[in-house]
C-alpha atoms as a PDB file:
ATOM      1  CA  MET A   1     -72.517  20.737 -59.052  1.00  0.00           C
ATOM      2  CA  LYS A   2     -69.219  18.905 -58.462  1.00  0.00           C
ATOM      3  CA  LEU A   3     -67.273  22.143 -58.810  1.00  0.00           C
ATOM      4  CA  CYS A   4     -69.371  23.765 -56.392  1.00  0.00           C
ATOM      5  CA  ASP A   5     -69.300  20.873 -54.021  1.00  0.00           C
ATOM      6  CA  CYS A   6     -65.515  20.662 -54.222  1.00  0.00           C
ATOM      7  CA  HIS A   7     -65.277  24.419 -53.687  1.00  0.00           C
ATOM      8  CA  THR A   8     -67.628  23.902 -50.588  1.00  0.00           C
ATOM      9  CA  GLU A   9     -65.583  21.178 -49.268  1.00  0.00           C
ATOM     10  CA  ARG A  10     -62.389  23.185 -49.847  1.00  0.00           C
ATOM     11  CA  CYS A  11     -63.810  26.096 -47.974  1.00  0.00           C
ATOM     12  CA  SER A  12     -65.033  24.044 -45.189  1.00  0.00           C
ATOM     13  CA  ASN A  13     -61.549  22.363 -44.876  1.00  0.00           C
ATOM     14  CA  GLN A  14     -59.800  25.890 -44.900  1.00  0.00           C
ATOM     15  CA  SER A  15     -62.414  26.957 -42.220  1.00  0.00           C
ATOM     16  CA  LEU A  16     -61.637  23.902 -40.081  1.00  0.00           C
ATOM     17  CA  LEU A  17     -57.947  24.596 -40.321  1.00  0.00           C
ATOM     18  CA  GLY A  18     -58.423  28.113 -39.291  1.00  0.00           C
ATOM     19  CA  VAL A  19     -60.448  27.128 -36.383  1.00  0.00           C
ATOM     20  CA  LYS A  20     -57.715  24.676 -35.349  1.00  0.00           C
ATOM     21  CA  LYS A  21     -54.955  27.373 -35.569  1.00  0.00           C
ATOM     22  CA  THR A  22     -57.181  29.605 -33.508  1.00  0.00           C
ATOM     23  CA  LEU A  23     -57.738  27.003 -30.858  1.00  0.00           C
ATOM     24  CA  LYS A  24     -54.084  26.174 -30.771  1.00  0.00           C
ATOM     25  CA  LEU A  25     -53.201  29.920 -30.222  1.00  0.00           C
ATOM     26  CA  THR A  26     -55.883  30.321 -27.620  1.00  0.00           C
ATOM     27  CA  SER A  27     -54.755  27.195 -25.852  1.00  0.00           C
ATOM     28  CA  THR A  28     -51.014  28.476 -25.897  1.00  0.00           C
ATOM     29  CA  ALA A  29     -52.013  31.782 -24.778  1.00  0.00           C
ATOM     30  CA  HIS A  30     -54.032  30.098 -21.939  1.00  0.00           C
ATOM     31  CA  ASN A  31     -51.009  28.135 -20.772  1.00  0.00           C
ATOM     32  CA  VAL A  32     -48.774  31.090 -20.892  1.00  0.00           C
ATOM     33  CA  LYS A  33     -51.271  33.017 -18.779  1.00  0.00           C
ATOM     34  CA  LEU A  34     -51.383  29.880 -16.339  1.00  0.00           C
ATOM     35  CA  ALA A  35     -47.526  29.803 -16.249  1.00  0.00           C
ATOM     36  CA  ILE A  36     -47.505  33.619 -15.382  1.00  0.00           C
ATOM     37  CA  ALA A  37     -50.090  33.217 -12.765  1.00  0.00           C
ATOM     38  CA  SER A  38     -48.148  30.218 -11.222  1.00  0.00           C
ATOM     39  CA  THR A  39     -44.932  32.275 -11.164  1.00  0.00           C
ATOM     40  CA  LEU A  40     -46.802  35.195  -9.399  1.00  0.00           C
ATOM     41  CA  LEU A  41     -48.359  32.765  -6.817  1.00  0.00           C
ATOM     42  CA  LEU A  42     -45.291  30.537  -6.190  1.00  0.00           C
ATOM     43  CA  GLY A  43     -42.413  33.066  -6.519  1.00  0.00           C
ATOM     44  CA  PRO A  44     -39.111  32.178  -8.300  1.00  0.00           C
ATOM     45  CA  MET A  45     -39.531  28.439  -7.523  1.00  0.00           C
ATOM     46  CA  GLY A  46     -42.562  28.312  -9.481  1.00  0.00           C
ATOM     47  CA  LEU A  47     -40.622  29.590 -12.566  1.00  0.00           C
ATOM     48  CA  VAL A  48     -37.966  27.072 -12.021  1.00  0.00           C
ATOM     49  CA  ALA A  49     -40.391  24.155 -11.916  1.00  0.00           C
ATOM     50  CA  GLN A  50     -41.595  25.053 -15.416  1.00  0.00           C
ATOM     51  CA  VAL A  51     -38.177  24.756 -16.901  1.00  0.00           C
ATOM     52  CA  PRO A  52     -37.093  21.162 -17.656  1.00  0.00           C
ATOM     53  CA  ALA A  53     -34.027  19.972 -15.734  1.00  0.00           C
ATOM     54  CA  VAL A  54     -30.882  19.636 -17.653  1.00  0.00           C
ATOM     55  CA  PRO A  55     -28.877  16.820 -16.488  1.00  0.00           C
ATOM     56  CA  ALA A  56     -25.505  17.999 -15.004  1.00  0.00           C
ATOM     57  CA  ALA A  57     -22.219  16.406 -16.000  1.00  0.00           C
ATOM     58  CA  GLU A  58     -21.164  13.851 -13.486  1.00  0.00           C
ATOM     59  CA  ALA A  59     -18.222  14.791 -11.597  1.00  0.00           C
ATOM     60  CA  PRO A  60     -15.383  12.416 -11.263  1.00  0.00           C
ATOM     61  CA  PRO A  61     -15.573  10.579  -7.981  1.00  0.00           C
ATOM     62  CA  THR A  62     -13.428  12.176  -5.200  1.00  0.00           C
ATOM     63  CA  LYS A  63     -11.114   9.589  -3.426  1.00  0.00           C
ATOM     64  CA  GLN A  64     -11.662   9.905   0.327  1.00  0.00           C
ATOM     65  CA  PRO A  65      -9.020   9.067   2.895  1.00  0.00           C
ATOM     66  CA  VAL A  66      -9.710   5.663   4.447  1.00  0.00           C
ATOM     67  CA  LYS A  67     -10.062   6.161   7.985  1.00  0.00           C
ATOM     68  CA  HIS A  68      -9.141   3.279  10.264  1.00  0.00           C
ATOM     69  CA  SER A  69     -10.679   2.658  13.855  1.00  0.00           C
ATOM     70  CA  LEU A  70      -9.170   0.647  16.514  1.00  0.00           C
ATOM     71  CA  TYR A  71     -10.259  -3.059  16.584  1.00  0.00           C
ATOM     72  CA  PHE A  72      -8.826  -4.514  20.112  1.00  0.00           C
ATOM     73  CA  VAL A  73      -8.352  -1.360  21.886  1.00  0.00           C
ATOM     74  CA  ASP A  74     -10.646   1.414  23.232  1.00  0.00           C
ATOM     75  CA  ALA A  75      -9.150   4.728  22.316  1.00  0.00           C
ATOM     76  CA  SER A  76     -11.091   6.548  24.885  1.00  0.00           C
ATOM     77  CA  VAL A  77      -9.018   4.752  27.661  1.00  0.00           C
ATOM     78  CA  LEU A  78      -5.633   4.525  26.036  1.00  0.00           C
ATOM     79  CA  ASP A  79      -3.444   7.560  24.762  1.00  0.00           C
ATOM     80  CA  LEU A  80       0.125   6.517  24.436  1.00  0.00           C
ATOM     81  CA  SER A  81       1.175  10.162  24.560  1.00  0.00           C
ATOM     82  CA  LEU A  82       0.076  10.247  28.310  1.00  0.00           C
ATOM     83  CA  ILE A  83       1.983   7.155  29.111  1.00  0.00           C
ATOM     84  CA  LEU A  84       5.371   7.320  27.214  1.00  0.00           C
ATOM     85  CA  PRO A  85       7.929   9.795  28.565  1.00  0.00           C
ATOM     86  CA  PRO A  86       8.684  12.691  25.885  1.00  0.00           C
ATOM     87  CA  PRO A  87      11.564  12.085  23.769  1.00  0.00           C
ATOM     88  CA  PRO A  88      15.007  13.796  24.424  1.00  0.00           C
ATOM     89  CA  PRO A  89      14.936  17.407  23.243  1.00  0.00           C
ATOM     90  CA  GLN A  90      16.378  17.844  19.789  1.00  0.00           C
ATOM     91  CA  GLY A  91      19.456  19.745  21.020  1.00  0.00           C
ATOM     92  CA  SER A  92      19.966  17.751  24.122  1.00  0.00           C
ATOM     93  CA  GLU A  93      23.240  15.808  24.866  1.00  0.00           C
ATOM     94  CA  ILE A  94      21.219  12.585  24.633  1.00  0.00           C
ATOM     95  CA  THR A  95      20.068  13.269  21.170  1.00  0.00           C
ATOM     96  CA  LYS A  96      23.713  14.178  20.111  1.00  0.00           C
ATOM     97  CA  SER A  97      24.881  10.887  21.532  1.00  0.00           C
ATOM     98  CA  GLU A  98      22.208   9.200  19.569  1.00  0.00           C
ATOM     99  CA  LEU A  99      22.903  10.649  16.465  1.00  0.00           C
ATOM    100  CA  GLN A 100      26.633   9.953  16.796  1.00  0.00           C
ATOM    101  CA  GLU A 101      25.599   6.441  17.459  1.00  0.00           C
ATOM    102  CA  ILE A 102      23.479   6.374  14.113  1.00  0.00           C
ATOM    103  CA  HIS A 103      26.715   7.640  12.408  1.00  0.00           C
ATOM    104  CA  ARG A 104      28.785   4.668  13.677  1.00  0.00           C
ATOM    105  CA  ILE A 105      26.093   2.204  12.630  1.00  0.00           C
ATOM    106  CA  GLU A 106      26.005   3.813   9.211  1.00  0.00           C
ATOM    107  CA  GLN A 107      29.809   3.593   8.740  1.00  0.00           C
ATOM    108  CA  THR A 108      30.029  -0.071   9.940  1.00  0.00           C
ATOM    109  CA  ARG A 109      26.749  -1.876   8.822  1.00  0.00           C
ATOM    110  CA  THR A 110      27.544  -4.716   6.339  1.00  0.00           C
ATOM    111  CA  PRO A 111      25.727  -5.343   2.951  1.00  0.00           C
ATOM    112  CA  GLU A 112      24.044  -8.279   4.550  1.00  0.00           C
ATOM    113  CA  GLN A 113      22.731  -6.224   7.411  1.00  0.00           C
ATOM    114  CA  ILE A 114      21.397  -3.510   4.901  1.00  0.00           C
ATOM    115  CA  VAL A 115      19.683  -6.321   2.833  1.00  0.00           C
ATOM    116  CA  ALA A 116      17.965  -7.696   6.017  1.00  0.00           C
ATOM    117  CA  ALA A 117      16.944  -4.258   7.158  1.00  0.00           C
ATOM    118  CA  GLN A 118      15.351  -3.286   3.844  1.00  0.00           C
ATOM    119  CA  ALA A 119      13.309  -6.581   3.960  1.00  0.00           C
ATOM    120  CA  ASP A 120      12.096  -5.871   7.409  1.00  0.00           C
ATOM    121  CA  ASP A 121      11.166  -2.285   6.296  1.00  0.00           C
ATOM    122  CA  LYS A 122       8.831  -3.645   3.817  1.00  0.00           C
ATOM    123  CA  GLU A 123       7.105  -6.213   6.105  1.00  0.00           C
ATOM    124  CA  GLU A 124       4.909  -5.316   9.104  1.00  0.00           C
ATOM    125  CA  ASP A 125       3.044  -8.377  10.347  1.00  0.00           C
ATOM    126  CA  ILE A 126       3.541 -11.604  12.363  1.00  0.00           C
ATOM    127  CA  PHE A 127       5.063 -13.249   9.501  1.00  0.00           C
ATOM    128  CA  GLU A 128       8.418 -11.361   9.915  1.00  0.00           C
ATOM    129  CA  TYR A 129       9.033 -14.205  12.435  1.00  0.00           C
ATOM    130  CA  LYS A 130       9.278 -16.873   9.750  1.00  0.00           C
ATOM    131  CA  LYS A 131      12.887 -16.843  10.468  1.00  0.00           C
ATOM    132  CA  VAL A 132      11.982 -18.386  13.808  1.00  0.00           C
ATOM    133  CA  ILE A 133       9.080 -20.607  12.977  1.00  0.00           C
ATOM    134  CA  GLY A 134      10.007 -21.706   9.686  1.00  0.00           C
ATOM    135  CA  GLU A 135       9.614 -20.705   5.755  1.00  0.00           C
ATOM    136  CA  GLY A 136       6.231 -22.175   5.668  1.00  0.00           C
ATOM    137  CA  PHE A 137       4.892 -19.723   8.081  1.00  0.00           C
ATOM    138  CA  THR A 138       2.909 -17.320   5.614  1.00  0.00           C
ATOM    139  CA  ALA A 139      -0.292 -15.560   5.290  1.00  0.00           C
ATOM    140  CA  ASP A 140      -1.418 -17.747   2.466  1.00  0.00           C
ATOM    141  CA  ALA A 141      -0.856 -20.872   4.492  1.00  0.00           C
ATOM    142  CA  LEU A 142      -2.546 -19.470   7.935  1.00  0.00           C
ATOM    143  CA  PRO A 143      -5.262 -17.191   6.867  1.00  0.00           C
ATOM    144  CA  LEU A 144      -6.704 -16.861  10.529  1.00  0.00           C
ATOM    145  CA  THR A 145      -3.315 -16.035  11.780  1.00  0.00           C
ATOM    146  CA  ALA A 146      -2.947 -13.523   9.001  1.00  0.00           C
ATOM    147  CA  SER A 147      -6.254 -11.862  10.005  1.00  0.00           C
ATOM    148  CA  LEU A 148      -5.250 -11.542  13.718  1.00  0.00           C
ATOM    149  CA  SER A 149      -1.958 -10.025  12.648  1.00  0.00           C
ATOM    150  CA  SER A 150      -3.905  -7.494  10.473  1.00  0.00           C
ATOM    151  CA  HIS A 151      -6.083  -6.301  13.335  1.00  0.00           C
ATOM    152  CA  VAL A 152      -2.928  -6.074  15.614  1.00  0.00           C
ATOM    153  CA  GLN A 153      -0.953  -4.006  12.890  1.00  0.00           C
ATOM    154  CA  ASN A 154      -4.201  -1.808  12.378  1.00  0.00           C
ATOM    155  CA  ASP A 155      -4.383  -0.959  16.223  1.00  0.00           C
ATOM    156  CA  GLN A 156      -0.535  -0.305  16.152  1.00  0.00           C
ATOM    157  CA  SER A 157      -1.012   2.134  13.281  1.00  0.00           C
ATOM    158  CA  VAL A 158      -4.090   3.854  14.835  1.00  0.00           C
ATOM    159  CA  LEU A 159      -2.478   4.515  18.220  1.00  0.00           C
ATOM    160  CA  GLY A 160       1.002   4.982  17.109  1.00  0.00           C
ATOM    161  CA  LEU A 161       0.593   7.805  14.393  1.00  0.00           C
ATOM    162  CA  PRO A 162      -1.139  10.435  16.720  1.00  0.00           C
ATOM    163  CA  THR A 163       1.465   9.574  19.265  1.00  0.00           C
ATOM    164  CA  LYS A 164       4.240  10.463  16.840  1.00  0.00           C
ATOM    165  CA  VAL A 165       2.541  13.714  15.833  1.00  0.00           C
ATOM    166  CA  ARG A 166       1.782  14.720  19.476  1.00  0.00           C
ATOM    167  CA  PHE A 167       5.744  14.438  20.150  1.00  0.00           C
ATOM    168  CA  GLY A 168       6.779  15.643  16.732  1.00  0.00           C
ATOM    169  CA  ARG A 169      10.432  14.335  16.899  1.00  0.00           C
ATOM    170  CA  LEU A 170      12.498  14.802  13.644  1.00  0.00           C
ATOM    171  CA  ARG A 171      13.799  11.812  12.081  1.00  0.00           C
ATOM    172  CA  PRO A 172      17.678  11.688  11.944  1.00  0.00           C
ATOM    173  CA  TYR A 173      17.969  12.355   8.240  1.00  0.00           C
ATOM    174  CA  LEU A 174      15.465  15.255   8.510  1.00  0.00           C
ATOM    175  CA  TYR A 175      17.367  16.880  11.567  1.00  0.00           C
ATOM    176  CA  GLU A 176      20.958  16.501   9.883  1.00  0.00           C
ATOM    177  CA  GLY A 177      21.486  16.365   6.281  1.00  0.00           C
ATOM    178  CA  ASP A 178      24.573  14.139   6.270  1.00  0.00           C
ATOM    179  CA  PHE A 179      22.947  10.873   6.866  1.00  0.00           C
ATOM    180  CA  HIS A 180      22.700   8.256   4.355  1.00  0.00           C
ATOM    181  CA  PRO A 181      19.407   5.991   4.935  1.00  0.00           C
ATOM    182  CA  VAL A 182      19.037   2.749   3.039  1.00  0.00           C
ATOM    183  CA  CYS A 183      15.248   2.295   3.537  1.00  0.00           C
ATOM    184  CA  ALA A 184      12.037   4.249   2.932  1.00  0.00           C
ATOM    185  CA  THR A 185      12.404   7.940   4.153  1.00  0.00           C
ATOM    186  CA  PRO A 186       8.898   8.912   5.417  1.00  0.00           C
ATOM    187  CA  LYS A 187       8.461  12.445   6.712  1.00  0.00           C
ATOM    188  CA  THR A 188       6.271  11.404   9.666  1.00  0.00           C
ATOM    189  CA  PRO A 189       7.818  11.952  13.161  1.00  0.00           C
ATOM    190  CA  ALA A 190      10.200   9.425  14.628  1.00  0.00           C
ATOM    191  CA  TYR A 191       9.082   8.883  18.186  1.00  0.00           C
ATOM    192  CA  PRO A 192       8.005   6.236  18.915  1.00  0.00           C
ATOM    193  CA  SER A 193       8.950   3.730  16.060  1.00  0.00           C
ATOM    194  CA  GLY A 194       5.887   2.227  14.464  1.00  0.00           C
ATOM    195  CA  HIS A 195       7.899  -0.667  12.967  1.00  0.00           C
ATOM    196  CA  ALA A 196       9.463  -1.479  16.331  1.00  0.00           C
ATOM    197  CA  MET A 197       6.025  -1.309  18.017  1.00  0.00           C
ATOM    198  CA  SER A 198       4.602  -3.554  15.340  1.00  0.00           C
ATOM    199  CA  GLY A 199       7.497  -5.933  15.776  1.00  0.00           C
ATOM    200  CA  TYR A 200       7.138  -6.186  19.673  1.00  0.00           C
ATOM    201  CA  LEU A 201       3.345  -6.547  19.458  1.00  0.00           C
ATOM    202  CA  HIS A 202       3.612  -9.367  17.000  1.00  0.00           C
ATOM    203  CA  ALA A 203       6.266 -10.903  19.118  1.00  0.00           C
ATOM    204  CA  LEU A 204       4.121 -10.888  22.216  1.00  0.00           C
ATOM    205  CA  THR A 205       1.230 -12.234  20.182  1.00  0.00           C
ATOM    206  CA  LEU A 206       3.101 -15.055  18.670  1.00  0.00           C
ATOM    207  CA  ILE A 207       4.418 -16.095  22.255  1.00  0.00           C
ATOM    208  CA  GLN A 208       1.082 -16.814  22.991  1.00  0.00           C
ATOM    209  CA  ILE A 209       0.831 -19.064  20.165  1.00  0.00           C
ATOM    210  CA  VAL A 210       4.127 -20.718  20.095  1.00  0.00           C
ATOM    211  CA  PRO A 211       5.485 -20.128  23.711  1.00  0.00           C
ATOM    212  CA  GLU A 212       8.003 -23.004  22.969  1.00  0.00           C
ATOM    213  CA  LYS A 213       9.826 -20.312  20.774  1.00  0.00           C
ATOM    214  CA  ASN A 214       9.828 -17.527  23.443  1.00  0.00           C
ATOM    215  CA  GLU A 215      13.557 -16.880  23.617  1.00  0.00           C
ATOM    216  CA  GLN A 216      13.950 -16.924  19.877  1.00  0.00           C
ATOM    217  CA  ILE A 217      11.028 -14.671  19.285  1.00  0.00           C
ATOM    218  CA  TRP A 218      12.218 -12.015  21.481  1.00  0.00           C
ATOM    219  CA  LYS A 219      15.719 -12.126  19.853  1.00  0.00           C
ATOM    220  CA  ARG A 220      14.096 -11.751  16.572  1.00  0.00           C
ATOM    221  CA  ALA A 221      11.893  -8.841  17.925  1.00  0.00           C
ATOM    222  CA  ASP A 222      15.201  -6.906  19.089  1.00  0.00           C
ATOM    223  CA  GLU A 223      16.686  -7.604  15.864  1.00  0.00           C
ATOM    224  CA  TYR A 224      13.596  -6.204  13.857  1.00  0.00           C
ATOM    225  CA  ALA A 225      13.718  -3.197  16.064  1.00  0.00           C
ATOM    226  CA  TYR A 226      17.558  -2.627  15.745  1.00  0.00           C
ATOM    227  CA  ASN A 227      16.987  -2.616  11.954  1.00  0.00           C
ATOM    228  CA  ARG A 228      15.294   0.501  12.076  1.00  0.00           C
ATOM    229  CA  MET A 229      18.518   2.056  13.234  1.00  0.00           C
ATOM    230  CA  ILE A 230      20.331   0.094  10.540  1.00  0.00           C
ATOM    231  CA  CYS A 231      17.970   1.722   8.074  1.00  0.00           C
ATOM    232  CA  GLY A 232      18.935   5.203   9.638  1.00  0.00           C
ATOM    233  CA  ALA A 233      15.263   5.914  10.403  1.00  0.00           C
ATOM    234  CA  HIS A 234      15.283   6.037  14.196  1.00  0.00           C
ATOM    235  CA  TYR A 235      17.101   6.963  17.354  1.00  0.00           C
ATOM    236  CA  LYS A 236      17.738   4.475  19.988  1.00  0.00           C
ATOM    237  CA  SER A 237      15.242   6.071  22.302  1.00  0.00           C
ATOM    238  CA  ASP A 238      12.471   5.837  19.522  1.00  0.00           C
ATOM    239  CA  ILE A 239      12.927   1.981  19.814  1.00  0.00           C
ATOM    240  CA  GLU A 240      12.902   1.908  23.603  1.00  0.00           C
ATOM    241  CA  ALA A 241       9.822   3.766  23.600  1.00  0.00           C
ATOM    242  CA  SER A 242       8.060   1.325  21.037  1.00  0.00           C
ATOM    243  CA  ARG A 243       8.846  -1.625  23.310  1.00  0.00           C
ATOM    244  CA  GLN A 244       7.358   0.135  26.355  1.00  0.00           C
ATOM    245  CA  ALA A 245       4.275   1.078  24.196  1.00  0.00           C
ATOM    246  CA  ALA A 246       3.977  -2.603  23.002  1.00  0.00           C
ATOM    247  CA  TYR A 247       3.551  -3.961  26.511  1.00  0.00           C
ATOM    248  CA  VAL A 248       1.017  -1.348  27.382  1.00  0.00           C
ATOM    249  CA  VAL A 249      -0.992  -2.128  24.158  1.00  0.00           C
ATOM    250  CA  PHE A 250      -0.781  -5.626  24.486  1.00  0.00           C
ATOM    251  CA  GLY A 251      -2.157  -5.731  28.000  1.00  0.00           C
ATOM    252  CA  TYR A 252      -5.215  -3.940  26.792  1.00  0.00           C
ATOM    253  CA  MET A 253      -5.544  -6.500  23.941  1.00  0.00           C
ATOM    254  CA  LEU A 254      -5.475  -9.397  26.210  1.00  0.00           C
ATOM    255  CA  ALA A 255      -8.342  -7.974  28.160  1.00  0.00           C
ATOM    256  CA  ASN A 256     -10.483  -7.869  24.997  1.00  0.00           C
ATOM    257  CA  PRO A 257     -12.812 -10.947  24.109  1.00  0.00           C
ATOM    258  CA  ARG A 258     -12.521 -10.416  20.415  1.00  0.00           C
ATOM    259  CA  PHE A 259      -8.779 -10.498  20.803  1.00  0.00           C
ATOM    260  CA  ALA A 260      -8.969 -13.733  22.845  1.00  0.00           C
ATOM    261  CA  LYS A 261     -11.287 -15.329  20.389  1.00  0.00           C
ATOM    262  CA  GLU A 262      -9.028 -14.565  17.329  1.00  0.00           C
ATOM    263  CA  LEU A 263      -5.982 -15.549  19.315  1.00  0.00           C
ATOM    264  CA  GLU A 264      -7.471 -18.940  20.058  1.00  0.00           C
ATOM    265  CA  ALA A 265      -8.264 -19.506  16.489  1.00  0.00           C
ATOM    266  CA  ALA A 266      -4.750 -18.469  15.345  1.00  0.00           C
ATOM    267  CA  ARG A 267      -3.199 -20.644  17.949  1.00  0.00           C
ATOM    268  CA  GLU A 268      -5.075 -23.804  16.965  1.00  0.00           C
ATOM    269  CA  GLU A 269      -4.327 -23.028  13.067  1.00  0.00           C
ATOM    270  CA  THR A 270      -0.837 -22.536  13.649  1.00  0.00           C
ATOM    271  CA  ARG A 271       0.028 -25.264  15.944  1.00  0.00           C
ATOM    272  CA  ARG A 272      -1.868 -27.670  13.941  1.00  0.00           C
ATOM    273  CA  PHE A 273       0.165 -26.522  10.748  1.00  0.00           C
ATOM    274  CA  LEU A 274       3.431 -26.934  12.719  1.00  0.00           C
ATOM    275  CA  GLY A 275       2.326 -30.377  14.091  1.00  0.00           C
ATOM    276  CA  LEU A 276       2.373 -29.282  17.592  1.00  0.00           C
ATOM    277  CA  SER A 277      -0.183 -30.038  20.438  1.00  0.00           C
ATOM    278  CA  ILE A 278      -3.092 -27.603  20.180  1.00  0.00           C
ATOM    279  CA  SER A 279      -2.955 -26.666  23.912  1.00  0.00           C
ATOM    280  CA  PRO A 280       0.547 -25.331  24.829  1.00  0.00           C
ATOM    281  CA  ASN A 281       1.958 -24.593  28.187  1.00  0.00           C
ATOM    282  CA  LEU A 282       1.878 -20.888  28.149  1.00  0.00           C
ATOM    283  CA  PRO A 283       4.528 -18.917  30.272  1.00  0.00           C
END
């Protein structure tokens, strides 16, 4: 009986396994039919939905150029290319005379002038006037003044570069190959000079902060601008246009409440640092 019982159990187990396999096959066939039906009803997208998504390899992040916007000036009301006169034509007598002047400067500049011009080439902020205000006049010591300066410099760059591109004047060393510039040699157009415009804008700003140094600040601004010719990077008319542009831009800045607020904060910070009365007698 036990042999018979075991045989019976074995048979029963085999039968159950057969039923399970049959059910599994039936279920698989049923699923395939459902998938085909779904594909017919939903079209190609239905088939795609049945396939597990394979994670794509992550592409390396693309470094996007930083776009700067104006901070104190409204670009819709100020286009420097409509205000400044165009530069002298490249083959004009004026340009020839300016090129001769750069050659003369190149032949007579001293090692001390070269060092000073190279230092100014690397600094475009209000602290280029530490020669006037004092060596302690630094961004680390005066963070509010540094913030104001960075916004002024930002607007100079945003306004100045498209103006340069619009006029498209070649720099001296790109127009003639026999120059020997001693500073950086960018390929951007020359007119107007961005460094000189920055210098004059910061001069106008600093005079509002320390009017007692008015004369010395202007002298330093002209020196800073002239150093662009010591570098061999600009014509005289580039410098003159930058000064004109700075006056116009600064007038727009003065009318901006945001500029007024930052200027007042920088004035208080700097004058307190220098041990001056907080409310100066402005010219």
